[in-house]
């Protein structure tokens, strides 16, 4: 199976995410100015009450800006994958930036599907709905696929720079004695619904055929915890 996408899609996500980052950094100028001038603009008592909220608002704006910038860089990297998200063959798996490796190099596959919850959140009014809509337009998906490979020390030096940058290394595995690494993708932002379902079904089938655990979690955070507890074992 070959899962392809239009490279223009992640490029568009990246541009939007960069815009959001700039907006938050521009907004952060307001609390920064208040921090610098607040003591001269307000009474000591009023400024004493307002100082902590203003500082927190400044830090949040800066932090969210960097989160959007990180998402933009991830989408820019995906735009360079020649439109190939995954290749599933009987002999092996190519997943995102990781070229085809034999199935026996794969330790664990995890999935979290929160598309229904995120769609409901995007339909709501107020800040929460706006946050989810902006997040989606920036290329953050609602279906998470995680592939854990057995040996970072042996495999990562052989992989392209984009794969090494996206790889999350774990602790030493108790049984294998190796350091696994994980690659996480959101295929639903790059593929249509039918192609996404086909990819998930094929991954599940291949995992079953090769004796690889395929674990379904309720949330992305739970998916990460499952990978940590079941595969990236210190």
C-alpha atoms as a PDB file:
ATOM      1  CA  UNK A   1       0.000   0.000   0.000  1.00  0.00           C
ATOM      2  CA  UNK A   2       1.194   3.507  -0.863  1.00  0.00           C
ATOM      3  CA  UNK A   3      -0.257   6.472   1.074  1.00  0.00           C
ATOM      4  CA  UNK A   4       0.359   9.703  -0.847  1.00  0.00           C
ATOM      5  CA  UNK A   5      -0.461  13.337  -0.087  1.00  0.00           C
ATOM      6  CA  UNK A   6      -0.164  16.718  -1.783  1.00  0.00           C
ATOM      7  CA  UNK A   7       3.033  18.472  -0.506  1.00  0.00           C
ATOM      8  CA  UNK A   8       1.236  21.802  -0.913  1.00  0.00           C
ATOM      9  CA  UNK A   9      -1.020  20.867   2.031  1.00  0.00           C
ATOM     10  CA  UNK A  10       1.657  20.819   4.774  1.00  0.00           C
ATOM     11  CA  UNK A  11       3.269  23.884   3.160  1.00  0.00           C
ATOM     12  CA  UNK A  12      -0.044  25.709   3.587  1.00  0.00           C
ATOM     13  CA  UNK A  13      -0.293  24.551   7.204  1.00  0.00           C
ATOM     14  CA  UNK A  14       3.245  25.776   7.847  1.00  0.00           C
ATOM     15  CA  UNK A  15       2.507  29.254   6.490  1.00  0.00           C
ATOM     16  CA  UNK A  16      -0.615  29.571   8.648  1.00  0.00           C
ATOM     17  CA  UNK A  17       1.184  28.324  11.770  1.00  0.00           C
ATOM     18  CA  UNK A  18       3.929  30.902  11.234  1.00  0.00           C
ATOM     19  CA  UNK A  19       1.303  33.635  11.000  1.00  0.00           C
ATOM     20  CA  UNK A  20      -0.198  32.517  14.306  1.00  0.00           C
ATOM     21  CA  UNK A  21       3.245  32.528  15.923  1.00  0.00           C
ATOM     22  CA  UNK A  22       3.843  36.103  14.776  1.00  0.00           C
ATOM     23  CA  UNK A  23       0.407  37.189  16.057  1.00  0.00           C
ATOM     24  CA  UNK A  24       1.114  35.837  19.538  1.00  0.00           C
ATOM     25  CA  UNK A  25       4.550  37.439  19.635  1.00  0.00           C
ATOM     26  CA  UNK A  26       3.078  40.782  18.568  1.00  0.00           C
ATOM     27  CA  UNK A  27       0.441  40.501  21.295  1.00  0.00           C
ATOM     28  CA  UNK A  28       3.203  39.756  23.808  1.00  0.00           C
ATOM     29  CA  UNK A  29       4.557  43.281  23.216  1.00  0.00           C
ATOM     30  CA  UNK A  30       1.622  44.703  25.216  1.00  0.00           C
ATOM     31  CA  UNK A  31       2.349  42.882  28.496  1.00  0.00           C
ATOM     32  CA  UNK A  32       6.079  43.386  27.885  1.00  0.00           C
ATOM     33  CA  UNK A  33       5.502  47.158  27.734  1.00  0.00           C
ATOM     34  CA  UNK A  34       3.381  47.013  30.884  1.00  0.00           C
ATOM     35  CA  UNK A  35       6.125  45.097  32.670  1.00  0.00           C
ATOM     36  CA  UNK A  36       8.651  47.726  31.644  1.00  0.00           C
ATOM     37  CA  UNK A  37       6.473  50.775  32.386  1.00  0.00           C
ATOM     38  CA  UNK A  38       3.888  49.488  34.836  1.00  0.00           C
ATOM     39  CA  UNK A  39       5.525  50.888  37.943  1.00  0.00           C
ATOM     40  CA  UNK A  40       5.364  54.384  36.490  1.00  0.00           C
ATOM     41  CA  UNK A  41       1.827  54.022  35.076  1.00  0.00           C
ATOM     42  CA  UNK A  42      -0.011  52.567  38.088  1.00  0.00           C
ATOM     43  CA  UNK A  43      -0.102  53.061  41.795  1.00  0.00           C
ATOM     44  CA  UNK A  44       2.168  50.720  43.760  1.00  0.00           C
ATOM     45  CA  UNK A  45      -0.827  48.849  45.183  1.00  0.00           C
ATOM     46  CA  UNK A  46      -2.512  48.355  41.803  1.00  0.00           C
ATOM     47  CA  UNK A  47       0.736  47.370  40.131  1.00  0.00           C
ATOM     48  CA  UNK A  48       1.473  44.932  42.925  1.00  0.00           C
ATOM     49  CA  UNK A  49      -1.827  43.174  42.204  1.00  0.00           C
ATOM     50  CA  UNK A  50      -1.416  43.239  38.406  1.00  0.00           C
ATOM     51  CA  UNK A  51       2.244  42.229  38.142  1.00  0.00           C
ATOM     52  CA  UNK A  52       1.859  38.443  38.260  1.00  0.00           C
ATOM     53  CA  UNK A  53      -1.093  38.241  35.799  1.00  0.00           C
ATOM     54  CA  UNK A  54       0.724  40.507  33.339  1.00  0.00           C
ATOM     55  CA  UNK A  55       3.914  38.440  33.538  1.00  0.00           C
ATOM     56  CA  UNK A  56       1.935  35.208  33.103  1.00  0.00           C
ATOM     57  CA  UNK A  57       0.122  36.640  30.069  1.00  0.00           C
ATOM     58  CA  UNK A  58       3.463  37.614  28.529  1.00  0.00           C
ATOM     59  CA  UNK A  59       4.940  34.152  29.106  1.00  0.00           C
ATOM     60  CA  UNK A  60       1.861  32.422  27.676  1.00  0.00           C
ATOM     61  CA  UNK A  61       1.955  34.541  24.496  1.00  0.00           C
ATOM     62  CA  UNK A  62       5.639  33.821  23.952  1.00  0.00           C
ATOM     63  CA  UNK A  63       5.253  30.100  24.698  1.00  0.00           C
ATOM     64  CA  UNK A  64       2.242  29.648  22.394  1.00  0.00           C
ATOM     65  CA  UNK A  65       4.125  31.477  19.649  1.00  0.00           C
ATOM     66  CA  UNK A  66       6.968  28.973  19.897  1.00  0.00           C
ATOM     67  CA  UNK A  67       4.497  26.060  19.894  1.00  0.00           C
ATOM     68  CA  UNK A  68       3.068  27.306  16.586  1.00  0.00           C
ATOM     69  CA  UNK A  69       6.580  27.842  15.229  1.00  0.00           C
ATOM     70  CA  UNK A  70       7.491  24.239  16.102  1.00  0.00           C
ATOM     71  CA  UNK A  71       4.348  23.039  14.325  1.00  0.00           C
ATOM     72  CA  UNK A  72       5.259  25.164  11.293  1.00  0.00           C
ATOM     73  CA  UNK A  73       8.711  23.588  11.110  1.00  0.00           C
ATOM     74  CA  UNK A  74       7.221  20.091  11.329  1.00  0.00           C
ATOM     75  CA  UNK A  75       4.889  20.878   8.421  1.00  0.00           C
ATOM     76  CA  UNK A  76       7.741  22.369   6.407  1.00  0.00           C
ATOM     77  CA  UNK A  77       9.644  19.121   6.873  1.00  0.00           C
ATOM     78  CA  UNK A  78       6.624  17.077   5.751  1.00  0.00           C
ATOM     79  CA  UNK A  79       6.365  19.182   2.600  1.00  0.00           C
ATOM     80  CA  UNK A  80       9.795  17.806   1.618  1.00  0.00           C
ATOM     81  CA  UNK A  81       8.779  14.120   1.783  1.00  0.00           C
ATOM     82  CA  UNK A  82       7.862  13.985  -1.937  1.00  0.00           C
ATOM     83  CA  UNK A  83       4.227  13.395  -1.085  1.00  0.00           C
ATOM     84  CA  UNK A  84       4.752   9.929   0.431  1.00  0.00           C
ATOM     85  CA  UNK A  85       3.361   9.394   3.918  1.00  0.00           C
ATOM     86  CA  UNK A  86       3.754   5.623   4.192  1.00  0.00           C
ATOM     87  CA  UNK A  87       4.572   2.519   2.162  1.00  0.00           C
ATOM     88  CA  UNK A  88       3.370  -0.799   3.551  1.00  0.00           C
ATOM     89  CA  UNK A  89       4.768  -3.922   1.956  1.00  0.00           C
ATOM     90  CA  UNK A  90       5.064  -7.538   3.117  1.00  0.00           C
ATOM     91  CA  UNK A  91       8.806  -7.008   3.517  1.00  0.00           C
ATOM     92  CA  UNK A  92       8.759  -3.764   5.498  1.00  0.00           C
ATOM     93  CA  UNK A  93       7.369  -0.350   6.408  1.00  0.00           C
ATOM     94  CA  UNK A  94       8.306   3.159   5.282  1.00  0.00           C
ATOM     95  CA  UNK A  95       6.715   5.641   7.684  1.00  0.00           C
ATOM     96  CA  UNK A  96       6.958   9.389   7.159  1.00  0.00           C
ATOM     97  CA  UNK A  97      10.637  10.387   7.108  1.00  0.00           C
ATOM     98  CA  UNK A  98      11.789   6.844   7.955  1.00  0.00           C
ATOM     99  CA  UNK A  99      12.630   4.867   4.792  1.00  0.00           C
ATOM    100  CA  UNK A 100      11.560   1.266   4.415  1.00  0.00           C
ATOM    101  CA  UNK A 101      12.769  -0.976   7.219  1.00  0.00           C
ATOM    102  CA  UNK A 102      11.952  -4.665   7.774  1.00  0.00           C
ATOM    103  CA  UNK A 103       8.942  -5.367   9.981  1.00  0.00           C
ATOM    104  CA  UNK A 104      11.155  -7.073  12.544  1.00  0.00           C
ATOM    105  CA  UNK A 105      12.697  -3.653  13.266  1.00  0.00           C
ATOM    106  CA  UNK A 106       9.281  -2.412  14.462  1.00  0.00           C
ATOM    107  CA  UNK A 107       8.631  -2.940  18.160  1.00  0.00           C
ATOM    108  CA  UNK A 108       5.213  -1.377  18.671  1.00  0.00           C
ATOM    109  CA  UNK A 109       2.484   0.595  16.849  1.00  0.00           C
ATOM    110  CA  UNK A 110       0.032   2.853  18.639  1.00  0.00           C
ATOM    111  CA  UNK A 111      -3.011   4.874  17.618  1.00  0.00           C
ATOM    112  CA  UNK A 112      -5.242   7.483  19.211  1.00  0.00           C
ATOM    113  CA  UNK A 113      -8.346   8.718  17.395  1.00  0.00           C
ATOM    114  CA  UNK A 114      -9.979  11.861  18.782  1.00  0.00           C
ATOM    115  CA  UNK A 115     -11.433  13.158  15.504  1.00  0.00           C
ATOM    116  CA  UNK A 116     -15.001  13.168  16.808  1.00  0.00           C
ATOM    117  CA  UNK A 117     -14.082  15.059  19.981  1.00  0.00           C
ATOM    118  CA  UNK A 118     -12.013  17.631  18.119  1.00  0.00           C
ATOM    119  CA  UNK A 119     -14.734  18.144  15.499  1.00  0.00           C
ATOM    120  CA  UNK A 120     -17.238  18.815  18.282  1.00  0.00           C
ATOM    121  CA  UNK A 121     -14.821  21.242  19.941  1.00  0.00           C
ATOM    122  CA  UNK A 122     -14.236  23.128  16.664  1.00  0.00           C
ATOM    123  CA  UNK A 123     -18.005  23.571  16.296  1.00  0.00           C
ATOM    124  CA  UNK A 124     -18.323  25.339  19.660  1.00  0.00           C
ATOM    125  CA  UNK A 125     -18.219  29.084  20.165  1.00  0.00           C
ATOM    126  CA  UNK A 126     -15.801  31.005  22.310  1.00  0.00           C
ATOM    127  CA  UNK A 127     -12.083  30.688  22.907  1.00  0.00           C
ATOM    128  CA  UNK A 128     -12.057  26.894  23.086  1.00  0.00           C
ATOM    129  CA  UNK A 129     -13.667  26.519  19.664  1.00  0.00           C
ATOM    130  CA  UNK A 130     -11.395  29.181  18.162  1.00  0.00           C
ATOM    131  CA  UNK A 131      -8.347  27.442  19.643  1.00  0.00           C
ATOM    132  CA  UNK A 132      -9.275  24.100  18.114  1.00  0.00           C
ATOM    133  CA  UNK A 133     -10.068  25.648  14.726  1.00  0.00           C
ATOM    134  CA  UNK A 134      -6.759  27.508  14.645  1.00  0.00           C
ATOM    135  CA  UNK A 135      -4.874  24.412  15.740  1.00  0.00           C
ATOM    136  CA  UNK A 136      -6.459  22.379  12.922  1.00  0.00           C
ATOM    137  CA  UNK A 137      -5.657  25.068  10.318  1.00  0.00           C
ATOM    138  CA  UNK A 138      -2.043  24.906  11.511  1.00  0.00           C
ATOM    139  CA  UNK A 139      -1.769  21.210  10.684  1.00  0.00           C
ATOM    140  CA  UNK A 140      -2.289  19.504  14.019  1.00  0.00           C
ATOM    141  CA  UNK A 141      -4.349  16.378  13.442  1.00  0.00           C
ATOM    142  CA  UNK A 142      -6.781  14.376  15.523  1.00  0.00           C
ATOM    143  CA  UNK A 143      -5.638  10.869  14.617  1.00  0.00           C
ATOM    144  CA  UNK A 144      -2.237   9.892  15.992  1.00  0.00           C
ATOM    145  CA  UNK A 145      -0.119   7.043  14.682  1.00  0.00           C
ATOM    146  CA  UNK A 146       3.059   6.131  16.546  1.00  0.00           C
ATOM    147  CA  UNK A 147       5.633   3.629  15.333  1.00  0.00           C
ATOM    148  CA  UNK A 148       8.338   2.507  17.750  1.00  0.00           C
ATOM    149  CA  UNK A 149      11.518   1.015  16.317  1.00  0.00           C
ATOM    150  CA  UNK A 150      13.816  -1.274  18.278  1.00  0.00           C
ATOM    151  CA  UNK A 151      17.291   0.203  18.061  1.00  0.00           C
ATOM    152  CA  UNK A 152      18.049   3.919  17.850  1.00  0.00           C
ATOM    153  CA  UNK A 153      21.828   3.516  18.115  1.00  0.00           C
ATOM    154  CA  UNK A 154      21.973   1.179  15.116  1.00  0.00           C
ATOM    155  CA  UNK A 155      19.190   2.606  12.931  1.00  0.00           C
ATOM    156  CA  UNK A 156      19.201   6.379  13.415  1.00  0.00           C
ATOM    157  CA  UNK A 157      22.691   6.969  11.912  1.00  0.00           C
ATOM    158  CA  UNK A 158      21.412   5.327   8.706  1.00  0.00           C
ATOM    159  CA  UNK A 159      18.326   7.562   8.430  1.00  0.00           C
ATOM    160  CA  UNK A 160      17.862  10.992   6.777  1.00  0.00           C
ATOM    161  CA  UNK A 161      18.183  14.166   8.842  1.00  0.00           C
ATOM    162  CA  UNK A 162      14.399  14.675   8.866  1.00  0.00           C
ATOM    163  CA  UNK A 163      13.914  11.245  10.432  1.00  0.00           C
ATOM    164  CA  UNK A 164      16.558  11.854  13.082  1.00  0.00           C
ATOM    165  CA  UNK A 165      14.977  15.198  13.981  1.00  0.00           C
ATOM    166  CA  UNK A 166      11.507  13.665  14.412  1.00  0.00           C
ATOM    167  CA  UNK A 167      12.687  10.599  16.318  1.00  0.00           C
ATOM    168  CA  UNK A 168      11.958  10.490  20.054  1.00  0.00           C
ATOM    169  CA  UNK A 169      14.430   8.249  21.857  1.00  0.00           C
ATOM    170  CA  UNK A 170      13.422   6.249  24.905  1.00  0.00           C
ATOM    171  CA  UNK A 171      15.242   4.587  27.729  1.00  0.00           C
ATOM    172  CA  UNK A 172      17.063   1.277  27.495  1.00  0.00           C
ATOM    173  CA  UNK A 173      14.626  -1.593  26.910  1.00  0.00           C
ATOM    174  CA  UNK A 174      14.783  -4.181  29.684  1.00  0.00           C
ATOM    175  CA  UNK A 175      14.455  -7.205  27.414  1.00  0.00           C
ATOM    176  CA  UNK A 176      16.107  -6.092  24.185  1.00  0.00           C
ATOM    177  CA  UNK A 177      18.950  -4.155  25.754  1.00  0.00           C
ATOM    178  CA  UNK A 178      18.572  -1.506  23.029  1.00  0.00           C
ATOM    179  CA  UNK A 179      17.336   2.106  23.048  1.00  0.00           C
ATOM    180  CA  UNK A 180      14.084   2.287  21.008  1.00  0.00           C
ATOM    181  CA  UNK A 181      12.910   5.403  19.214  1.00  0.00           C
ATOM    182  CA  UNK A 182       9.453   6.591  18.200  1.00  0.00           C
ATOM    183  CA  UNK A 183       8.084   8.547  15.215  1.00  0.00           C
ATOM    184  CA  UNK A 184       4.641  10.173  15.561  1.00  0.00           C
ATOM    185  CA  UNK A 185       2.454  11.365  12.666  1.00  0.00           C
ATOM    186  CA  UNK A 186      -1.073  12.782  12.222  1.00  0.00           C
ATOM    187  CA  UNK A 187      -2.191  11.247   8.908  1.00  0.00           C
ATOM    188  CA  UNK A 188      -5.661  12.803   8.979  1.00  0.00           C
ATOM    189  CA  UNK A 189      -4.240  16.259   8.162  1.00  0.00           C
ATOM    190  CA  UNK A 190      -2.587  14.935   4.991  1.00  0.00           C
ATOM    191  CA  UNK A 191      -5.003  12.253   3.746  1.00  0.00           C
ATOM    192  CA  UNK A 192      -8.748  12.218   3.171  1.00  0.00           C
ATOM    193  CA  UNK A 193     -10.954  10.113   5.448  1.00  0.00           C
ATOM    194  CA  UNK A 194     -11.016   7.068   3.164  1.00  0.00           C
ATOM    195  CA  UNK A 195      -7.241   7.005   2.710  1.00  0.00           C
ATOM    196  CA  UNK A 196      -6.719   7.497   6.458  1.00  0.00           C
ATOM    197  CA  UNK A 197      -8.992   4.557   7.284  1.00  0.00           C
ATOM    198  CA  UNK A 198      -7.237   2.389   4.692  1.00  0.00           C
ATOM    199  CA  UNK A 199      -3.828   3.242   6.151  1.00  0.00           C
ATOM    200  CA  UNK A 200      -4.961   2.398   9.689  1.00  0.00           C
ATOM    201  CA  UNK A 201      -6.542  -0.875   8.565  1.00  0.00           C
ATOM    202  CA  UNK A 202      -3.436  -1.916   6.638  1.00  0.00           C
ATOM    203  CA  UNK A 203      -1.138  -1.018   9.515  1.00  0.00           C
ATOM    204  CA  UNK A 204      -3.296  -3.044  11.889  1.00  0.00           C
ATOM    205  CA  UNK A 205      -3.308  -6.014   9.503  1.00  0.00           C
ATOM    206  CA  UNK A 206       0.446  -5.949   8.968  1.00  0.00           C
ATOM    207  CA  UNK A 207       1.072  -5.583  12.697  1.00  0.00           C
ATOM    208  CA  UNK A 208      -1.078  -8.636  13.337  1.00  0.00           C
ATOM    209  CA  UNK A 209       0.658 -10.613  10.585  1.00  0.00           C
ATOM    210  CA  UNK A 210       4.102  -9.870  12.021  1.00  0.00           C
ATOM    211  CA  UNK A 211       3.243 -10.202  15.710  1.00  0.00           C
ATOM    212  CA  UNK A 212       3.655  -6.493  16.462  1.00  0.00           C
ATOM    213  CA  UNK A 213       1.459  -5.005  19.224  1.00  0.00           C
ATOM    214  CA  UNK A 214      -1.091  -2.509  17.867  1.00  0.00           C
ATOM    215  CA  UNK A 215      -2.411  -0.488  20.812  1.00  0.00           C
ATOM    216  CA  UNK A 216      -5.375   1.887  20.600  1.00  0.00           C
ATOM    217  CA  UNK A 217      -5.558   4.735  23.160  1.00  0.00           C
ATOM    218  CA  UNK A 218      -8.256   7.299  23.973  1.00  0.00           C
ATOM    219  CA  UNK A 219      -6.035  10.391  23.684  1.00  0.00           C
ATOM    220  CA  UNK A 220      -2.689  11.433  22.264  1.00  0.00           C
ATOM    221  CA  UNK A 221      -1.312  11.756  25.785  1.00  0.00           C
ATOM    222  CA  UNK A 222      -2.483   8.223  26.584  1.00  0.00           C
ATOM    223  CA  UNK A 223      -0.849   7.004  23.369  1.00  0.00           C
ATOM    224  CA  UNK A 224       2.449   8.537  24.457  1.00  0.00           C
ATOM    225  CA  UNK A 225       2.149   7.004  27.936  1.00  0.00           C
ATOM    226  CA  UNK A 226       1.392   3.611  26.396  1.00  0.00           C
ATOM    227  CA  UNK A 227       4.473   3.834  24.201  1.00  0.00           C
ATOM    228  CA  UNK A 228       6.551   4.831  27.203  1.00  0.00           C
ATOM    229  CA  UNK A 229       5.270   2.049  29.432  1.00  0.00           C
ATOM    230  CA  UNK A 230       5.151  -0.735  26.831  1.00  0.00           C
ATOM    231  CA  UNK A 231       8.028   0.019  24.521  1.00  0.00           C
ATOM    232  CA  UNK A 232      10.283   2.874  25.626  1.00  0.00           C
ATOM    233  CA  UNK A 233      11.132   1.178  28.902  1.00  0.00           C
ATOM    234  CA  UNK A 234      13.948   2.589  30.998  1.00  0.00           C
END
